[in-house]
Amino acid sequence: MDLLRFMNRERVVVILPLIVGVVTAFVLFGIEEPIYSADGIVGYKAAIDPHIVIIYAVMAFIMSTAIANLVYWLIDRCQVLCLQTS
């Protein structure tokens, strides 16, 4: 909690979602399904279309941006409530 409070908010709200989006893309690109033939497995292909992976990565970026902003908003509200009660 203290780490989030002392870090530059604008930097966190940009860098954290970028990391989440890139990790999501790498994980989804890494999912493969086997290609079968009469001899068994002959290779692997991507299980998810690259266009869908990009859409999921963008959605992860947007959602993690919203979550980071929500966390900072909640921290601000808690600080305001603590100041009002004391």
Protein backbone atom coordinates (compact mmCIF):
# COMPACT_ATOMS: atom_id res chain seq x y z
CA MET A 1 0.00 0.00 0.00
CA ASP A 2 2.82 2.41 0.84
CA LEU A 3 4.57 1.54 -2.42
CA LEU A 4 1.50 2.55 -4.44
CA ARG A 5 1.14 5.75 -2.46
CA PHE A 6 4.72 6.92 -3.01
CA MET A 7 5.08 5.99 -6.69
CA ASN A 8 4.30 8.43 -9.48
CA ARG A 9 0.64 7.75 -10.26
CA GLU A 10 0.78 8.66 -13.94
CA ARG A 11 3.72 6.33 -14.45
CA VAL A 12 2.05 3.42 -12.67
CA VAL A 13 -1.25 3.89 -14.53
CA VAL A 14 0.63 3.68 -17.85
CA ILE A 15 3.36 1.10 -17.18
CA LEU A 16 1.28 -1.44 -15.24
CA PRO A 17 -1.38 -1.85 -17.97
CA LEU A 18 1.33 -2.08 -20.65
CA ILE A 19 2.98 -4.92 -18.76
CA VAL A 20 -0.37 -6.68 -18.28
CA GLY A 21 -1.25 -6.32 -21.98
CA VAL A 22 2.12 -7.62 -23.19
CA VAL A 23 2.09 -10.57 -20.79
CA THR A 24 -1.46 -11.42 -21.89
CA ALA A 25 -0.40 -11.37 -25.54
CA PHE A 26 2.65 -13.57 -24.91
CA VAL A 27 0.64 -16.09 -22.92
CA LEU A 28 -2.11 -16.31 -25.54
CA PHE A 29 0.38 -16.54 -28.43
CA GLY A 30 2.11 -19.37 -26.59
CA ILE A 31 -0.98 -21.58 -26.49
CA GLU A 32 -0.67 -24.16 -29.24
CA GLU A 33 -2.68 -27.14 -30.34
CA PRO A 34 -1.21 -30.20 -32.02
CA ILE A 35 -1.59 -31.06 -35.70
CA TYR A 36 -2.44 -34.74 -36.04
CA SER A 37 -1.82 -37.13 -38.92
CA ALA A 38 -1.90 -40.90 -39.28
CA ASP A 39 1.58 -41.07 -37.72
CA GLY A 40 0.58 -39.02 -34.68
CA ILE A 41 1.46 -35.44 -33.88
CA VAL A 42 3.35 -33.81 -36.76
CA GLY A 43 3.49 -30.24 -35.49
CA TYR A 44 1.76 -27.47 -33.65
CA LYS A 45 -0.25 -24.43 -34.63
CA ALA A 46 -1.53 -21.41 -32.74
CA ALA A 47 -4.73 -22.22 -30.89
CA ILE A 48 -5.97 -18.62 -30.98
CA ASP A 49 -6.11 -16.35 -34.03
CA PRO A 50 -3.58 -13.47 -33.77
CA HIS A 51 -6.34 -10.89 -34.27
CA ILE A 52 -8.18 -12.26 -31.26
CA VAL A 53 -4.97 -12.20 -29.21
CA ILE A 54 -4.52 -8.50 -29.99
CA ILE A 55 -8.13 -7.79 -28.99
CA TYR A 56 -7.64 -9.64 -25.68
CA ALA A 57 -4.38 -7.77 -25.01
CA VAL A 58 -6.09 -4.41 -25.61
CA MET A 59 -8.97 -5.43 -23.34
CA ALA A 60 -6.48 -6.45 -20.63
CA PHE A 61 -4.77 -3.06 -21.02
CA ILE A 62 -8.06 -1.17 -20.66
CA MET A 63 -9.25 -3.22 -17.68
CA SER A 64 -5.94 -2.96 -15.83
CA THR A 65 -5.92 0.81 -16.42
CA ALA A 66 -9.39 1.02 -14.89
CA ILE A 67 -8.36 -1.14 -11.94
CA ALA A 68 -5.23 0.95 -11.28
CA ASN A 69 -7.30 4.14 -11.38
CA LEU A 70 -9.86 2.56 -9.05
CA VAL A 71 -7.16 1.58 -6.56
CA TYR A 72 -5.79 5.12 -6.50
CA TRP A 73 -9.30 6.54 -6.17
CA LEU A 74 -9.98 4.23 -3.21
CA ILE A 75 -6.70 5.26 -1.57
CA ASP A 76 -7.68 8.92 -1.95
CA ARG A 77 -11.16 8.31 -0.52
CA CYS A 78 -9.75 6.42 2.46
CA GLN A 79 -7.31 9.24 3.17
CA VAL A 80 -10.11 11.81 2.99
CA LEU A 81 -12.29 9.76 5.34
CA CYS A 82 -9.41 9.33 7.78
CA LEU A 83 -8.79 13.08 7.79
CA GLN A 84 -12.47 13.86 8.29
CA THR A 85 -12.83 11.50 11.23
CA SER A 86 -9.75 12.78 13.04
